[in-house]
Amino acid sequence: MKLFNEAVVATTSDADAAAAANDNCDECQPGMGGFCGTDDQCHPYTCESFYEFGRQNYTRYDDDAPPLECQDIPITQPGRDDDVFYPSVSFRCRSLVPIPVSMGFNRRCQAITPTSNFTCYELNENTNFQPFLAKVGASEIECTNAEYDETGWPKFTYGTTIENRGVEGSSNINLVLGFNAT
């Protein structure tokens, strides 16, 4: 039986998803880039932290787990990449119309065992945001969807997506807020 677990993680996230399983982390506030770990401590949302302290049903981490191996990769293309569909940061309207200006991830971390594959994506420390910011500057995004309160939008949003693909095609996807939109 082969399990495939993939967590797509930017260096930011919301504590809501992890705090639902563990209510003892008062310092992990939603929108502040941390999560409440299995050790009842607040951790930054990095691949390394999530692998070791995230919920085991996503990470399959235990005392015998292999080390997480990370490498820089060419930046992924949100919405067009077979590996990672989700962006690390977007400049967008609340309604997602028009299409956001988005940036992918440039670092992949993995831990592979005979029964699972934990894969995590994040931004490396030396990420160059200038090409993304140039696209934002050239964009003419106007937020006018009457169905949503678009006051103050467009904004930058920082999200975390955790995707858990299980046996026989079952999957679970959690989309959580990263840092508060700016």
C-alpha atoms as a PDB file:
ATOM      1  CA  MET A   1       0.000   0.000   0.000  1.00  0.00           C
ATOM      2  CA  LYS A   2       1.567   3.263  -1.107  1.00  0.00           C
ATOM      3  CA  LEU A   3       0.512   6.500   0.545  1.00  0.00           C
ATOM      4  CA  PHE A   4       1.281   9.825  -1.002  1.00  0.00           C
ATOM      5  CA  ASN A   5       1.233  12.852   1.249  1.00  0.00           C
ATOM      6  CA  GLU A   6       2.005  16.241  -0.123  1.00  0.00           C
ATOM      7  CA  ALA A   7       1.979  19.464   1.781  1.00  0.00           C
ATOM      8  CA  VAL A   8       2.376  22.602  -0.226  1.00  0.00           C
ATOM      9  CA  VAL A   9       3.644  25.131   2.267  1.00  0.00           C
ATOM     10  CA  ALA A  10       4.844  28.684   1.857  1.00  0.00           C
ATOM     11  CA  THR A  11       6.835  30.218   4.662  1.00  0.00           C
ATOM     12  CA  THR A  12       3.597  31.739   5.951  1.00  0.00           C
ATOM     13  CA  SER A  13       0.283  30.383   7.183  1.00  0.00           C
ATOM     14  CA  ASP A  14      -2.648  30.658   9.538  1.00  0.00           C
ATOM     15  CA  ALA A  15      -2.875  28.845  12.858  1.00  0.00           C
ATOM     16  CA  ASP A  16      -6.559  27.984  12.360  1.00  0.00           C
ATOM     17  CA  ALA A  17      -6.111  24.543  10.778  1.00  0.00           C
ATOM     18  CA  ALA A  18      -3.557  23.283  13.293  1.00  0.00           C
ATOM     19  CA  ALA A  19      -5.212  24.944  16.285  1.00  0.00           C
ATOM     20  CA  ALA A  20      -8.413  23.057  15.518  1.00  0.00           C
ATOM     21  CA  ALA A  21      -6.562  19.886  16.492  1.00  0.00           C
ATOM     22  CA  ASN A  22      -4.711  21.504  19.406  1.00  0.00           C
ATOM     23  CA  ASP A  23      -6.172  24.418  21.380  1.00  0.00           C
ATOM     24  CA  ASN A  24      -3.181  24.947  23.724  1.00  0.00           C
ATOM     25  CA  CYS A  25      -1.240  27.458  21.586  1.00  0.00           C
ATOM     26  CA  ASP A  26      -2.572  30.857  22.566  1.00  0.00           C
ATOM     27  CA  GLU A  27       0.360  32.688  20.949  1.00  0.00           C
ATOM     28  CA  CYS A  28      -0.439  31.314  17.455  1.00  0.00           C
ATOM     29  CA  GLN A  29      -2.741  34.008  16.147  1.00  0.00           C
ATOM     30  CA  PRO A  30      -4.472  33.662  12.759  1.00  0.00           C
ATOM     31  CA  GLY A  31      -2.707  35.598  10.024  1.00  0.00           C
ATOM     32  CA  MET A  32       0.641  35.800  11.809  1.00  0.00           C
ATOM     33  CA  GLY A  33       2.450  33.027   9.915  1.00  0.00           C
ATOM     34  CA  GLY A  34       2.558  30.288  12.524  1.00  0.00           C
ATOM     35  CA  PHE A  35       0.823  27.084  13.483  1.00  0.00           C
ATOM     36  CA  CYS A  36       0.270  25.189  16.704  1.00  0.00           C
ATOM     37  CA  GLY A  37       2.405  22.050  16.593  1.00  0.00           C
ATOM     38  CA  THR A  38       1.936  18.601  18.029  1.00  0.00           C
ATOM     39  CA  ASP A  39       4.221  19.712  20.871  1.00  0.00           C
ATOM     40  CA  ASP A  40       1.761  22.484  21.883  1.00  0.00           C
ATOM     41  CA  GLN A  41       4.191  25.177  20.695  1.00  0.00           C
ATOM     42  CA  CYS A  42       3.796  27.848  18.038  1.00  0.00           C
ATOM     43  CA  HIS A  43       6.064  27.231  15.019  1.00  0.00           C
ATOM     44  CA  PRO A  44       6.763  29.262  11.871  1.00  0.00           C
ATOM     45  CA  TYR A  45       5.141  27.736   8.803  1.00  0.00           C
ATOM     46  CA  THR A  46       8.242  26.311   7.128  1.00  0.00           C
ATOM     47  CA  CYS A  47       8.619  22.909   5.527  1.00  0.00           C
ATOM     48  CA  GLU A  48      10.977  21.780   8.274  1.00  0.00           C
ATOM     49  CA  SER A  49       8.666  22.882  11.095  1.00  0.00           C
ATOM     50  CA  PHE A  50       5.574  21.482   9.460  1.00  0.00           C
ATOM     51  CA  TYR A  51       7.234  18.122   8.762  1.00  0.00           C
ATOM     52  CA  GLU A  52       8.320  17.665  12.361  1.00  0.00           C
ATOM     53  CA  PHE A  53       5.473  19.360  14.245  1.00  0.00           C
ATOM     54  CA  GLY A  54       2.502  19.283  11.827  1.00  0.00           C
ATOM     55  CA  ARG A  55      -0.351  16.852  12.195  1.00  0.00           C
ATOM     56  CA  GLN A  56       0.938  13.332  11.609  1.00  0.00           C
ATOM     57  CA  ASN A  57      -1.934  12.415   9.300  1.00  0.00           C
ATOM     58  CA  TYR A  58      -0.359  14.898   6.840  1.00  0.00           C
ATOM     59  CA  THR A  59       3.334  14.381   7.475  1.00  0.00           C
ATOM     60  CA  ARG A  60       3.649  10.739   8.613  1.00  0.00           C
ATOM     61  CA  TYR A  61       6.489  12.008  10.812  1.00  0.00           C
ATOM     62  CA  ASP A  62       7.600   9.839  13.744  1.00  0.00           C
ATOM     63  CA  ASP A  63      10.828   8.920  15.538  1.00  0.00           C
ATOM     64  CA  ASP A  64      11.874   6.673  12.638  1.00  0.00           C
ATOM     65  CA  ALA A  65      11.054   9.162   9.882  1.00  0.00           C
ATOM     66  CA  PRO A  66      13.788   9.990   7.363  1.00  0.00           C
ATOM     67  CA  PRO A  67      15.272  13.494   7.378  1.00  0.00           C
ATOM     68  CA  LEU A  68      13.689  16.120   5.189  1.00  0.00           C
ATOM     69  CA  GLU A  69      15.845  16.859   2.151  1.00  0.00           C
ATOM     70  CA  CYS A  70      15.446  20.294   0.560  1.00  0.00           C
ATOM     71  CA  GLN A  71      16.691  21.794  -2.683  1.00  0.00           C
ATOM     72  CA  ASP A  72      16.169  24.982  -4.628  1.00  0.00           C
ATOM     73  CA  ILE A  73      14.150  24.510  -7.820  1.00  0.00           C
ATOM     74  CA  PRO A  74      13.067  26.689 -10.753  1.00  0.00           C
ATOM     75  CA  ILE A  75      10.076  28.737  -9.664  1.00  0.00           C
ATOM     76  CA  THR A  76       6.777  26.914 -10.095  1.00  0.00           C
ATOM     77  CA  GLN A  77       3.996  28.361 -12.229  1.00  0.00           C
ATOM     78  CA  PRO A  78       0.729  28.644 -10.255  1.00  0.00           C
ATOM     79  CA  GLY A  79      -2.233  27.251 -12.130  1.00  0.00           C
ATOM     80  CA  ARG A  80      -0.044  25.859 -14.907  1.00  0.00           C
ATOM     81  CA  ASP A  81       2.427  23.603 -13.139  1.00  0.00           C
ATOM     82  CA  ASP A  82       1.817  19.871 -12.843  1.00  0.00           C
ATOM     83  CA  ASP A  83       3.610  19.757  -9.496  1.00  0.00           C
ATOM     84  CA  VAL A  84       2.183  22.767  -7.673  1.00  0.00           C
ATOM     85  CA  PHE A  85      -1.063  24.438  -8.675  1.00  0.00           C
ATOM     86  CA  TYR A  86      -1.139  26.971  -5.825  1.00  0.00           C
ATOM     87  CA  PRO A  87       0.707  30.319  -5.477  1.00  0.00           C
ATOM     88  CA  SER A  88       2.970  31.429  -2.652  1.00  0.00           C
ATOM     89  CA  VAL A  89       1.877  35.060  -2.949  1.00  0.00           C
ATOM     90  CA  SER A  90      -0.727  36.803  -5.095  1.00  0.00           C
ATOM     91  CA  PHE A  91      -1.809  40.327  -5.852  1.00  0.00           C
ATOM     92  CA  ARG A  92      -5.536  39.961  -6.260  1.00  0.00           C
ATOM     93  CA  CYS A  93      -9.086  41.038  -5.754  1.00  0.00           C
ATOM     94  CA  ARG A  94     -11.126  39.420  -3.052  1.00  0.00           C
ATOM     95  CA  SER A  95     -13.313  37.750  -5.689  1.00  0.00           C
ATOM     96  CA  LEU A  96     -10.383  36.416  -7.801  1.00  0.00           C
ATOM     97  CA  VAL A  97     -11.764  38.318 -10.791  1.00  0.00           C
ATOM     98  CA  PRO A  98      -9.801  39.494 -12.679  1.00  0.00           C
ATOM     99  CA  ILE A  99      -7.155  36.770 -12.589  1.00  0.00           C
ATOM    100  CA  PRO A 100      -4.555  37.489  -9.861  1.00  0.00           C
ATOM    101  CA  VAL A 101      -0.879  38.194 -10.453  1.00  0.00           C
ATOM    102  CA  SER A 102       0.746  35.227  -8.708  1.00  0.00           C
ATOM    103  CA  MET A 103       4.153  33.846  -7.871  1.00  0.00           C
ATOM    104  CA  GLY A 104       5.050  30.201  -7.277  1.00  0.00           C
ATOM    105  CA  PHE A 105       7.556  28.440  -5.041  1.00  0.00           C
ATOM    106  CA  ASN A 106      11.308  27.947  -5.549  1.00  0.00           C
ATOM    107  CA  ARG A 107      12.241  25.329  -2.955  1.00  0.00           C
ATOM    108  CA  ARG A 108      11.081  21.721  -2.613  1.00  0.00           C
ATOM    109  CA  CYS A 109      11.572  19.518   0.440  1.00  0.00           C
ATOM    110  CA  GLN A 110      10.878  15.779   0.545  1.00  0.00           C
ATOM    111  CA  ALA A 111      10.973  12.816   2.879  1.00  0.00           C
ATOM    112  CA  ILE A 112      10.316   9.494   1.168  1.00  0.00           C
ATOM    113  CA  THR A 113       9.605   6.167   2.857  1.00  0.00           C
ATOM    114  CA  PRO A 114       8.273   2.862   1.517  1.00  0.00           C
ATOM    115  CA  THR A 115       4.740   3.880   2.565  1.00  0.00           C
ATOM    116  CA  SER A 116       4.651   7.657   2.144  1.00  0.00           C
ATOM    117  CA  ASN A 117       6.061  10.650   0.332  1.00  0.00           C
ATOM    118  CA  PHE A 118       5.983  13.994   2.142  1.00  0.00           C
ATOM    119  CA  THR A 119       6.627  16.821  -0.320  1.00  0.00           C
ATOM    120  CA  CYS A 120       6.599  20.459   0.688  1.00  0.00           C
ATOM    121  CA  TYR A 121       7.151  23.663  -1.309  1.00  0.00           C
ATOM    122  CA  GLU A 122       8.279  26.996   0.067  1.00  0.00           C
ATOM    123  CA  LEU A 123      10.237  30.133  -0.830  1.00  0.00           C
ATOM    124  CA  ASN A 124      13.978  30.087  -0.239  1.00  0.00           C
ATOM    125  CA  GLU A 125      15.639  32.777   1.870  1.00  0.00           C
ATOM    126  CA  ASN A 126      17.108  34.550  -1.167  1.00  0.00           C
ATOM    127  CA  THR A 127      13.917  34.766  -3.225  1.00  0.00           C
ATOM    128  CA  ASN A 128      13.994  37.608  -5.742  1.00  0.00           C
ATOM    129  CA  PHE A 129      10.538  39.227  -5.649  1.00  0.00           C
ATOM    130  CA  GLN A 130      11.411  41.921  -8.233  1.00  0.00           C
ATOM    131  CA  PRO A 131      10.004  40.071 -11.301  1.00  0.00           C
ATOM    132  CA  PHE A 132       6.751  39.455  -9.421  1.00  0.00           C
ATOM    133  CA  LEU A 133       6.576  43.072  -8.227  1.00  0.00           C
ATOM    134  CA  ALA A 134       7.244  44.286 -11.798  1.00  0.00           C
ATOM    135  CA  LYS A 135       4.238  42.242 -13.001  1.00  0.00           C
ATOM    136  CA  VAL A 136       2.149  43.717 -10.177  1.00  0.00           C
ATOM    137  CA  GLY A 137       3.258  47.230 -11.155  1.00  0.00           C
ATOM    138  CA  ALA A 138       2.328  46.613 -14.791  1.00  0.00           C
ATOM    139  CA  SER A 139      -1.043  45.086 -13.904  1.00  0.00           C
ATOM    140  CA  GLU A 140      -4.188  47.110 -14.102  1.00  0.00           C
ATOM    141  CA  ILE A 141      -6.229  45.091 -11.646  1.00  0.00           C
ATOM    142  CA  GLU A 142      -9.439  46.813 -10.609  1.00  0.00           C
ATOM    143  CA  CYS A 143     -11.700  45.148  -8.069  1.00  0.00           C
ATOM    144  CA  THR A 144     -15.314  45.874  -8.936  1.00  0.00           C
ATOM    145  CA  ASN A 145     -17.231  42.656  -8.218  1.00  0.00           C
ATOM    146  CA  ALA A 146     -20.481  43.748  -6.551  1.00  0.00           C
ATOM    147  CA  GLU A 147     -20.956  40.338  -4.919  1.00  0.00           C
ATOM    148  CA  TYR A 148     -18.013  40.981  -2.550  1.00  0.00           C
ATOM    149  CA  ASP A 149     -16.923  43.967  -0.512  1.00  0.00           C
ATOM    150  CA  GLU A 150     -13.890  44.907  -2.615  1.00  0.00           C
ATOM    151  CA  THR A 151     -13.082  48.021  -0.552  1.00  0.00           C
ATOM    152  CA  GLY A 152      -9.303  48.285  -0.162  1.00  0.00           C
ATOM    153  CA  TRP A 153      -8.571  45.570  -2.736  1.00  0.00           C
ATOM    154  CA  PRO A 154      -6.437  44.558  -4.596  1.00  0.00           C
ATOM    155  CA  LYS A 155      -4.107  43.282  -1.900  1.00  0.00           C
ATOM    156  CA  PHE A 156      -1.197  40.919  -1.533  1.00  0.00           C
ATOM    157  CA  THR A 157      -2.286  37.563  -0.092  1.00  0.00           C
ATOM    158  CA  TYR A 158      -0.020  34.915   1.343  1.00  0.00           C
ATOM    159  CA  GLY A 159      -1.502  31.463   1.489  1.00  0.00           C
ATOM    160  CA  THR A 160      -0.669  27.969   2.512  1.00  0.00           C
ATOM    161  CA  THR A 161      -2.145  24.920   0.896  1.00  0.00           C
ATOM    162  CA  ILE A 162      -1.890  21.515   2.495  1.00  0.00           C
ATOM    163  CA  GLU A 163      -2.837  18.694   0.197  1.00  0.00           C
ATOM    164  CA  ASN A 164      -2.971  15.152   1.495  1.00  0.00           C
ATOM    165  CA  ARG A 165      -3.317  12.517  -1.211  1.00  0.00           C
ATOM    166  CA  GLY A 166      -4.085   9.104   0.152  1.00  0.00           C
ATOM    167  CA  VAL A 167      -4.554   5.604  -1.080  1.00  0.00           C
ATOM    168  CA  GLU A 168      -6.735   4.996  -4.157  1.00  0.00           C
ATOM    169  CA  GLY A 169      -6.993   8.650  -5.139  1.00  0.00           C
ATOM    170  CA  SER A 170      -8.564   9.984  -1.952  1.00  0.00           C
ATOM    171  CA  SER A 171      -7.463  13.474  -1.063  1.00  0.00           C
ATOM    172  CA  ASN A 172      -7.999  16.312   1.350  1.00  0.00           C
ATOM    173  CA  ILE A 173      -7.077  19.919   0.619  1.00  0.00           C
ATOM    174  CA  ASN A 174      -6.896  22.681   3.232  1.00  0.00           C
ATOM    175  CA  LEU A 175      -6.499  26.253   2.021  1.00  0.00           C
ATOM    176  CA  VAL A 176      -5.569  28.508   4.904  1.00  0.00           C
ATOM    177  CA  LEU A 177      -4.713  32.178   5.213  1.00  0.00           C
ATOM    178  CA  GLY A 178      -1.036  33.018   5.442  1.00  0.00           C
ATOM    179  CA  PHE A 179      -0.138  36.396   6.827  1.00  0.00           C
ATOM    180  CA  ASN A 180      -2.990  38.866   6.804  1.00  0.00           C
ATOM    181  CA  ALA A 181      -3.563  40.449   3.379  1.00  0.00           C
ATOM    182  CA  THR A 182      -1.663  43.702   2.857  1.00  0.00           C
END
